Amino acid sequence: MDCIFCDIVKGRVPCHKIWENDEHLAFLSIFPNIKGFSVVITKEHFSSYAFGQEDQILTKLILATKKVEHCHLYTTEAADE
């Protein structure tokens, strides 16, 4: 399987990691459309079609995204001061 996100998780492709836990990884986008734009992914490979995922997987991803936003919000606010 050829997946850029799997390569990022395995450390084969570099990223600017901003947060992670056992199941998820968050990093800054290389093509941000706003300051601090980040990407949150699962460490296990899943199809990119979100609506095809089990509810538990999608729920965990959304909760991880919420944690990243909370942490990132304070980081970017501090950088602006």
Protein backbone atom coordinates (compact mmCIF):
# COMPACT_ATOMS: atom_id res chain seq x y z
CA MET A 1 0.00 0.00 0.00
CA ASP A 2 1.31 3.43 -0.94
CA CYS A 3 -0.01 5.94 1.61
CA ILE A 4 1.70 9.23 2.48
CA PHE A 5 0.03 9.30 5.90
CA CYS A 6 1.25 5.79 6.76
CA ASP A 7 4.75 6.91 5.76
CA ILE A 8 4.45 9.95 8.05
CA VAL A 9 3.32 7.78 10.98
CA LYS A 10 6.24 5.37 10.38
CA GLY A 11 8.73 8.26 10.22
CA ARG A 12 9.64 7.66 6.57
CA VAL A 13 8.36 11.12 5.62
CA PRO A 14 9.18 14.10 7.87
CA CYS A 15 6.52 16.25 9.46
CA HIS A 16 6.27 19.06 11.98
CA LYS A 17 4.51 17.09 14.70
CA ILE A 18 2.40 19.16 17.09
CA TRP A 19 0.53 16.46 19.04
CA GLU A 20 0.08 12.72 19.27
CA ASN A 21 -1.37 9.94 21.37
CA ASP A 22 -1.43 6.16 20.92
CA GLU A 23 -3.95 6.28 18.07
CA HIS A 24 -3.58 9.69 16.40
CA LEU A 25 -0.96 12.10 15.09
CA ALA A 26 -1.29 15.81 14.34
CA PHE A 27 1.14 17.89 12.29
CA LEU A 28 1.27 21.23 10.51
CA SER A 29 0.12 21.23 6.91
CA ILE A 30 2.74 21.84 4.24
CA PHE A 31 0.09 23.79 2.30
CA PRO A 32 -1.63 25.90 4.97
CA ASN A 33 -4.42 28.22 3.93
CA ILE A 34 -4.37 29.85 7.39
CA LYS A 35 -1.73 30.24 10.10
CA GLY A 36 -1.33 27.02 12.07
CA PHE A 37 -3.42 24.83 9.76
CA SER A 38 -2.91 21.28 10.95
CA VAL A 39 -3.77 17.75 9.88
CA VAL A 40 -4.97 15.09 12.33
CA ILE A 41 -4.75 11.45 11.25
CA THR A 42 -5.17 8.00 12.69
CA LYS A 43 -1.98 6.01 13.11
CA GLU A 44 -3.73 2.96 11.69
CA HIS A 45 -4.51 3.07 7.98
CA PHE A 46 -8.18 3.57 7.12
CA SER A 47 -9.94 4.65 3.96
CA SER A 48 -10.10 8.42 3.59
CA TYR A 49 -13.87 8.21 3.12
CA ALA A 50 -15.01 9.34 6.59
CA PHE A 51 -18.64 8.26 6.19
CA GLY A 52 -17.52 4.69 5.57
CA GLN A 53 -15.83 4.43 8.96
CA GLU A 54 -17.25 2.84 12.07
CA ASP A 55 -18.72 5.41 14.45
CA GLN A 56 -16.12 4.68 17.14
CA ILE A 57 -13.19 5.39 14.80
CA LEU A 58 -14.71 8.63 13.52
CA THR A 59 -15.68 9.75 17.03
CA LYS A 60 -12.14 9.19 18.33
CA LEU A 61 -10.72 11.14 15.38
CA ILE A 62 -13.06 14.08 16.01
CA LEU A 63 -12.21 14.08 19.74
CA ALA A 64 -8.48 14.00 18.90
CA THR A 65 -9.01 16.94 16.54
CA LYS A 66 -10.73 18.83 19.34
CA LYS A 67 -7.73 18.23 21.64
CA VAL A 68 -5.34 19.47 18.95
CA GLU A 69 -7.41 22.59 18.38
CA HIS A 70 -7.46 23.34 22.10
CA CYS A 71 -3.68 22.94 22.45
CA HIS A 72 -2.94 24.71 19.19
CA LEU A 73 -5.19 27.65 20.02
CA TYR A 74 -3.10 28.52 23.06
CA THR A 75 0.14 28.07 21.15
CA THR A 76 -0.83 30.38 18.30
CA GLU A 77 -2.33 32.98 20.65
CA ALA A 78 0.91 33.06 22.67
CA ALA A 79 2.95 33.46 19.49
CA ASP A 80 0.85 36.47 18.47
CA GLU A 81 1.51 38.34 21.73
